[in-house]
Amino acid sequence: MQVIRTIAWIVVTAILVAFIAMNWNRAPVNFWPLENGNYIHFDWPVGFVALLFFGLGMLPVWLYLRAVRWRLNRRIASLENSLRATSAAALTSPEPTPATPLETPSEPLQS
């Protein structure tokens, strides 16, 4: 499984590098309007701009999924601890003794 994941990451990296190499033309990017009507202006490669905004779009989803994973791991740990505590309590408690002793048959069995 590790080999497949490594191969998948190599393919994704190769595709990203090819995308950036094919889109290395500079494009004007206006970020923030200024008081005089102009913008804060940058000329960045198109591939870099696309990857930057893809990453910015993925950031909230990644943070949400990390929070869900953290919450579920805490829940699993809590359940495991409660199970461990109940198991330990069951092992340390004495076994119940019968209320009345077993009765032996009053007459012997005849063969």
N, C-alpha and C. Protein backbone atom coordinates (compact mmCIF):
# COMPACT_ATOMS: atom_id res chain seq x y z
N MET A 1 0.82 -1.18 0.00
CA MET A 1 0.00 0.00 0.00
C MET A 1 0.87 1.25 0.00
N GLN A 2 1.99 1.20 0.70
CA GLN A 2 2.91 2.34 0.75
C GLN A 2 3.47 2.65 -0.64
N VAL A 3 3.72 1.61 -1.43
CA VAL A 3 4.26 1.82 -2.77
C VAL A 3 3.25 2.54 -3.64
N ILE A 4 1.99 2.15 -3.54
CA ILE A 4 0.94 2.78 -4.34
C ILE A 4 0.80 4.25 -3.95
N ARG A 5 0.85 4.55 -2.66
CA ARG A 5 0.74 5.94 -2.22
C ARG A 5 1.93 6.76 -2.72
N THR A 6 3.13 6.18 -2.68
CA THR A 6 4.31 6.89 -3.16
C THR A 6 4.20 7.16 -4.66
N ILE A 7 3.75 6.18 -5.41
CA ILE A 7 3.58 6.36 -6.85
C ILE A 7 2.53 7.43 -7.12
N ALA A 8 1.44 7.44 -6.37
CA ALA A 8 0.41 8.46 -6.56
C ALA A 8 0.96 9.86 -6.28
N TRP A 9 1.76 10.01 -5.23
CA TRP A 9 2.34 11.33 -4.92
C TRP A 9 3.33 11.75 -6.01
N ILE A 10 4.07 10.82 -6.57
CA ILE A 10 5.00 11.16 -7.65
C ILE A 10 4.23 11.63 -8.87
N VAL A 11 3.12 10.97 -9.20
CA VAL A 11 2.30 11.36 -10.35
C VAL A 11 1.70 12.75 -10.12
N VAL A 12 1.16 12.99 -8.93
CA VAL A 12 0.57 14.30 -8.64
C VAL A 12 1.63 15.39 -8.71
N THR A 13 2.80 15.14 -8.18
CA THR A 13 3.89 16.13 -8.22
C THR A 13 4.31 16.40 -9.66
N ALA A 14 4.41 15.36 -10.48
CA ALA A 14 4.79 15.55 -11.88
C ALA A 14 3.74 16.38 -12.63
N ILE A 15 2.47 16.14 -12.34
CA ILE A 15 1.40 16.91 -12.99
C ILE A 15 1.47 18.38 -12.57
N LEU A 16 1.71 18.63 -11.28
CA LEU A 16 1.80 20.01 -10.81
C LEU A 16 3.00 20.73 -11.41
N VAL A 17 4.14 20.06 -11.48
CA VAL A 17 5.33 20.66 -12.07
C VAL A 17 5.09 20.96 -13.55
N ALA A 18 4.45 20.04 -14.27
CA ALA A 18 4.16 20.27 -15.68
C ALA A 18 3.18 21.44 -15.84
N PHE A 19 2.19 21.54 -14.97
CA PHE A 19 1.22 22.64 -15.03
C PHE A 19 1.91 23.98 -14.82
N ILE A 20 2.77 24.06 -13.83
CA ILE A 20 3.48 25.31 -13.56
C ILE A 20 4.43 25.64 -14.71
N ALA A 21 5.12 24.64 -15.26
CA ALA A 21 6.06 24.88 -16.36
C ALA A 21 5.32 25.37 -17.61
N MET A 22 4.14 24.84 -17.89
CA MET A 22 3.39 25.25 -19.08
C MET A 22 2.74 26.62 -18.90
N ASN A 23 2.51 27.03 -17.67
CA ASN A 23 1.83 28.30 -17.40
C ASN A 23 2.76 29.27 -16.68
N TRP A 24 3.97 29.43 -17.20
CA TRP A 24 4.92 30.31 -16.54
C TRP A 24 4.81 31.75 -17.01
N ASN A 25 3.85 32.05 -17.87
CA ASN A 25 3.65 33.42 -18.32
C ASN A 25 3.15 34.25 -17.15
N ARG A 26 3.62 35.47 -17.09
CA ARG A 26 3.22 36.35 -15.99
C ARG A 26 1.85 36.95 -16.27
N ALA A 27 1.08 37.10 -15.20
CA ALA A 27 -0.25 37.70 -15.30
C ALA A 27 -0.39 38.75 -14.21
N PRO A 28 -1.05 39.86 -14.51
CA PRO A 28 -1.25 40.88 -13.47
C PRO A 28 -2.30 40.42 -12.46
N VAL A 29 -2.00 40.62 -11.20
CA VAL A 29 -2.92 40.25 -10.13
C VAL A 29 -3.13 41.49 -9.27
N ASN A 30 -4.38 41.96 -9.16
CA ASN A 30 -4.71 43.10 -8.31
C ASN A 30 -5.24 42.55 -6.99
N PHE A 31 -4.55 42.90 -5.89
CA PHE A 31 -4.92 42.34 -4.60
C PHE A 31 -5.84 43.22 -3.78
N TRP A 32 -5.48 44.46 -3.61
CA TRP A 32 -6.22 45.28 -2.65
C TRP A 32 -6.35 46.70 -3.20
N PRO A 33 -7.56 47.26 -3.15
CA PRO A 33 -7.71 48.63 -3.66
C PRO A 33 -7.06 49.65 -2.70
N LEU A 34 -6.47 50.66 -3.30
CA LEU A 34 -5.86 51.74 -2.53
C LEU A 34 -6.78 52.95 -2.55
N GLU A 35 -6.46 53.96 -1.76
CA GLU A 35 -7.31 55.14 -1.66
C GLU A 35 -7.36 55.95 -2.96
N ASN A 36 -6.31 55.91 -3.75
CA ASN A 36 -6.27 56.71 -4.98
C ASN A 36 -6.91 56.01 -6.17
N GLY A 37 -7.57 54.89 -5.97
CA GLY A 37 -8.25 54.18 -7.05
C GLY A 37 -7.40 53.10 -7.70
N ASN A 38 -6.15 53.01 -7.36
CA ASN A 38 -5.29 51.96 -7.88
C ASN A 38 -5.37 50.73 -6.97
N TYR A 39 -4.64 49.72 -7.37
CA TYR A 39 -4.61 48.48 -6.60
C TYR A 39 -3.18 48.13 -6.24
N ILE A 40 -3.03 47.31 -5.20
CA ILE A 40 -1.73 46.69 -4.97
C ILE A 40 -1.59 45.64 -6.06
N HIS A 41 -0.57 45.77 -6.85
CA HIS A 41 -0.46 45.02 -8.10
C HIS A 41 0.79 44.15 -8.08
N PHE A 42 0.64 42.89 -8.49
CA PHE A 42 1.77 41.97 -8.62
C PHE A 42 1.68 41.30 -9.98
N ASP A 43 2.82 41.01 -10.56
CA ASP A 43 2.89 40.21 -11.78
C ASP A 43 3.49 38.87 -11.41
N TRP A 44 2.62 37.87 -11.32
CA TRP A 44 3.05 36.55 -10.92
C TRP A 44 2.76 35.55 -12.04
N PRO A 45 3.51 34.43 -12.06
CA PRO A 45 3.21 33.38 -13.03
C PRO A 45 1.81 32.79 -12.78
N VAL A 46 1.12 32.45 -13.86
CA VAL A 46 -0.25 31.94 -13.76
C VAL A 46 -0.30 30.64 -12.96
N GLY A 47 0.65 29.76 -13.17
CA GLY A 47 0.66 28.49 -12.43
C GLY A 47 0.80 28.69 -10.94
N PHE A 48 1.64 29.64 -10.55
CA PHE A 48 1.82 29.93 -9.13
C PHE A 48 0.54 30.51 -8.54
N VAL A 49 -0.10 31.42 -9.25
CA VAL A 49 -1.35 32.01 -8.76
C VAL A 49 -2.43 30.94 -8.61
N ALA A 50 -2.53 30.04 -9.59
CA ALA A 50 -3.53 28.97 -9.52
C ALA A 50 -3.27 28.06 -8.33
N LEU A 51 -2.03 27.66 -8.10
CA LEU A 51 -1.70 26.80 -6.96
C LEU A 51 -1.91 27.51 -5.64
N LEU A 52 -1.58 28.80 -5.59
CA LEU A 52 -1.76 29.57 -4.37
C LEU A 52 -3.24 29.62 -3.97
N PHE A 53 -4.09 29.94 -4.93
CA PHE A 53 -5.50 30.05 -4.59
C PHE A 53 -6.17 28.68 -4.41
N PHE A 54 -5.65 27.66 -5.05
CA PHE A 54 -6.13 26.30 -4.78
C PHE A 54 -5.80 25.92 -3.34
N GLY A 55 -4.59 26.24 -2.90
CA GLY A 55 -4.20 25.97 -1.51
C GLY A 55 -5.03 26.76 -0.52
N LEU A 56 -5.29 28.03 -0.83
CA LEU A 56 -6.13 28.85 0.05
C LEU A 56 -7.56 28.32 0.12
N GLY A 57 -8.04 27.77 -0.97
CA GLY A 57 -9.39 27.19 -0.97
C GLY A 57 -9.45 25.87 -0.21
N MET A 58 -8.35 25.14 -0.22
CA MET A 58 -8.32 23.85 0.48
C MET A 58 -8.08 23.99 1.97
N LEU A 59 -7.52 25.11 2.40
CA LEU A 59 -7.16 25.30 3.81
C LEU A 59 -8.35 25.16 4.76
N PRO A 60 -9.51 25.79 4.52
CA PRO A 60 -10.63 25.61 5.46
C PRO A 60 -11.12 24.16 5.54
N VAL A 61 -11.15 23.48 4.41
CA VAL A 61 -11.59 22.08 4.39
C VAL A 61 -10.61 21.21 5.18
N TRP A 62 -9.33 21.44 4.98
CA TRP A 62 -8.31 20.67 5.69
C TRP A 62 -8.41 20.92 7.20
N LEU A 63 -8.58 22.19 7.59
CA LEU A 63 -8.72 22.50 9.02
C LEU A 63 -9.96 21.85 9.61
N TYR A 64 -11.07 21.85 8.88
CA TYR A 64 -12.29 21.21 9.35
C TYR A 64 -12.08 19.71 9.54
N LEU A 65 -11.46 19.06 8.56
CA LEU A 65 -11.24 17.62 8.66
C LEU A 65 -10.27 17.27 9.79
N ARG A 66 -9.26 18.11 10.03
CA ARG A 66 -8.36 17.88 11.16
C ARG A 66 -9.11 18.00 12.48
N ALA A 67 -10.05 18.97 12.57
CA ALA A 67 -10.83 19.13 13.79
C ALA A 67 -11.74 17.93 14.01
N VAL A 68 -12.35 17.42 12.95
CA VAL A 68 -13.21 16.23 13.07
C VAL A 68 -12.38 15.03 13.51
N ARG A 69 -11.21 14.86 12.92
CA ARG A 69 -10.34 13.73 13.30
C ARG A 69 -9.92 13.84 14.77
N TRP A 70 -9.57 15.06 15.20
CA TRP A 70 -9.17 15.28 16.59
C TRP A 70 -10.31 14.96 17.53
N ARG A 71 -11.54 15.40 17.19
CA ARG A 71 -12.70 15.14 18.04
C ARG A 71 -13.00 13.65 18.10
N LEU A 72 -12.94 12.97 16.98
CA LEU A 72 -13.21 11.52 16.98
C LEU A 72 -12.14 10.75 17.74
N ASN A 73 -10.88 11.15 17.61
CA ASN A 73 -9.82 10.47 18.36
C ASN A 73 -10.00 10.66 19.86
N ARG A 74 -10.43 11.85 20.28
CA ARG A 74 -10.71 12.07 21.70
C ARG A 74 -11.87 11.21 22.16
N ARG A 75 -12.89 11.09 21.31
CA ARG A 75 -14.05 10.28 21.66
C ARG A 75 -13.66 8.81 21.78
N ILE A 76 -12.86 8.33 20.84
CA ILE A 76 -12.41 6.93 20.89
C ILE A 76 -11.58 6.69 22.14
N ALA A 77 -10.68 7.62 22.46
CA ALA A 77 -9.85 7.46 23.66
C ALA A 77 -10.72 7.45 24.91
N SER A 78 -11.74 8.28 24.95
CA SER A 78 -12.64 8.31 26.11
C SER A 78 -13.39 6.99 26.25
N LEU A 79 -13.88 6.47 25.14
CA LEU A 79 -14.60 5.19 25.18
C LEU A 79 -13.67 4.05 25.58
N GLU A 80 -12.43 4.07 25.07
CA GLU A 80 -11.48 3.03 25.46
C GLU A 80 -11.16 3.10 26.94
N ASN A 81 -11.00 4.31 27.47
CA ASN A 81 -10.70 4.46 28.89
C ASN A 81 -11.86 3.98 29.75
N SER A 82 -13.10 4.29 29.34
CA SER A 82 -14.24 3.83 30.14
C SER A 82 -14.38 2.32 30.06
N LEU A 83 -14.10 1.73 28.91
CA LEU A 83 -14.14 0.27 28.78
C LEU A 83 -13.05 -0.37 29.63
N ARG A 84 -11.86 0.24 29.62
CA ARG A 84 -10.76 -0.28 30.43
C ARG A 84 -11.10 -0.20 31.91
N ALA A 85 -11.74 0.89 32.33
CA ALA A 85 -12.11 1.06 33.74
C ALA A 85 -13.17 0.05 34.16
N THR A 86 -14.16 -0.19 33.32
CA THR A 86 -15.20 -1.16 33.68
C THR A 86 -14.65 -2.58 33.67
N SER A 87 -13.72 -2.87 32.75
CA SER A 87 -13.11 -4.20 32.72
C SER A 87 -12.27 -4.42 33.97
N ALA A 88 -11.54 -3.41 34.37
CA ALA A 88 -10.70 -3.54 35.57
C ALA A 88 -11.58 -3.70 36.82
N ALA A 89 -12.70 -2.99 36.87
CA ALA A 89 -13.60 -3.11 38.02
C ALA A 89 -14.23 -4.50 38.06
N ALA A 90 -14.54 -5.05 36.90
CA ALA A 90 -15.14 -6.39 36.86
C ALA A 90 -14.12 -7.45 37.28
N LEU A 91 -12.87 -7.26 36.97
CA LEU A 91 -11.85 -8.24 37.33
C LEU A 91 -11.51 -8.18 38.81
N THR A 92 -11.58 -7.02 39.44
CA THR A 92 -11.20 -6.90 40.84
C THR A 92 -12.34 -7.19 41.79
N SER A 93 -13.58 -7.16 41.32
CA SER A 93 -14.70 -7.43 42.23
C SER A 93 -14.77 -8.94 42.51
N PRO A 94 -15.11 -9.31 43.75
CA PRO A 94 -15.19 -10.75 44.06
C PRO A 94 -16.38 -11.38 43.34
N GLU A 95 -16.22 -12.67 43.05
CA GLU A 95 -17.31 -13.37 42.37
C GLU A 95 -18.43 -13.60 43.36
N PRO A 96 -19.66 -13.52 42.90
CA PRO A 96 -20.79 -13.71 43.82
C PRO A 96 -20.84 -15.16 44.33
N THR A 97 -21.11 -15.30 45.62
CA THR A 97 -21.22 -16.64 46.21
C THR A 97 -22.67 -17.07 46.15
N PRO A 98 -22.93 -18.36 45.98
CA PRO A 98 -24.32 -18.81 45.92
C PRO A 98 -25.01 -18.57 47.26
N ALA A 99 -26.29 -18.26 47.21
CA ALA A 99 -27.05 -17.95 48.42
C ALA A 99 -27.23 -19.19 49.29
N THR A 100 -27.49 -20.33 48.69
CA THR A 100 -27.67 -21.57 49.45
C THR A 100 -26.67 -22.60 48.93
N PRO A 101 -26.16 -23.45 49.82
CA PRO A 101 -25.24 -24.48 49.33
C PRO A 101 -25.98 -25.50 48.49
N LEU A 102 -25.26 -26.13 47.63
CA LEU A 102 -25.86 -27.15 46.78
C LEU A 102 -26.31 -28.33 47.63
N GLU A 103 -27.48 -28.79 47.33
CA GLU A 103 -28.00 -29.92 48.10
C GLU A 103 -27.58 -31.22 47.46
N THR A 104 -27.28 -32.19 48.29
CA THR A 104 -26.92 -33.51 47.79
C THR A 104 -28.20 -34.36 47.79
N PRO A 105 -28.30 -35.29 46.92
CA PRO A 105 -29.52 -36.12 46.91
C PRO A 105 -29.63 -36.91 48.24
N SER A 106 -30.82 -36.93 48.77
CA SER A 106 -31.02 -37.60 50.05
C SER A 106 -30.97 -39.13 49.90
N GLU A 107 -31.38 -39.63 48.77
CA GLU A 107 -31.33 -41.09 48.58
C GLU A 107 -30.31 -41.41 47.51
N PRO A 108 -29.53 -42.42 47.71
CA PRO A 108 -28.55 -42.79 46.68
C PRO A 108 -29.27 -43.34 45.46
N LEU A 109 -28.67 -43.15 44.35
CA LEU A 109 -29.23 -43.66 43.12
C LEU A 109 -29.08 -45.17 43.04
N GLN A 110 -30.11 -45.82 42.57
CA GLN A 110 -30.04 -47.26 42.45
C GLN A 110 -29.80 -47.64 41.01
N SER A 111 -28.97 -48.63 40.86
CA SER A 111 -28.69 -49.04 39.48
C SER A 111 -29.32 -50.33 39.14
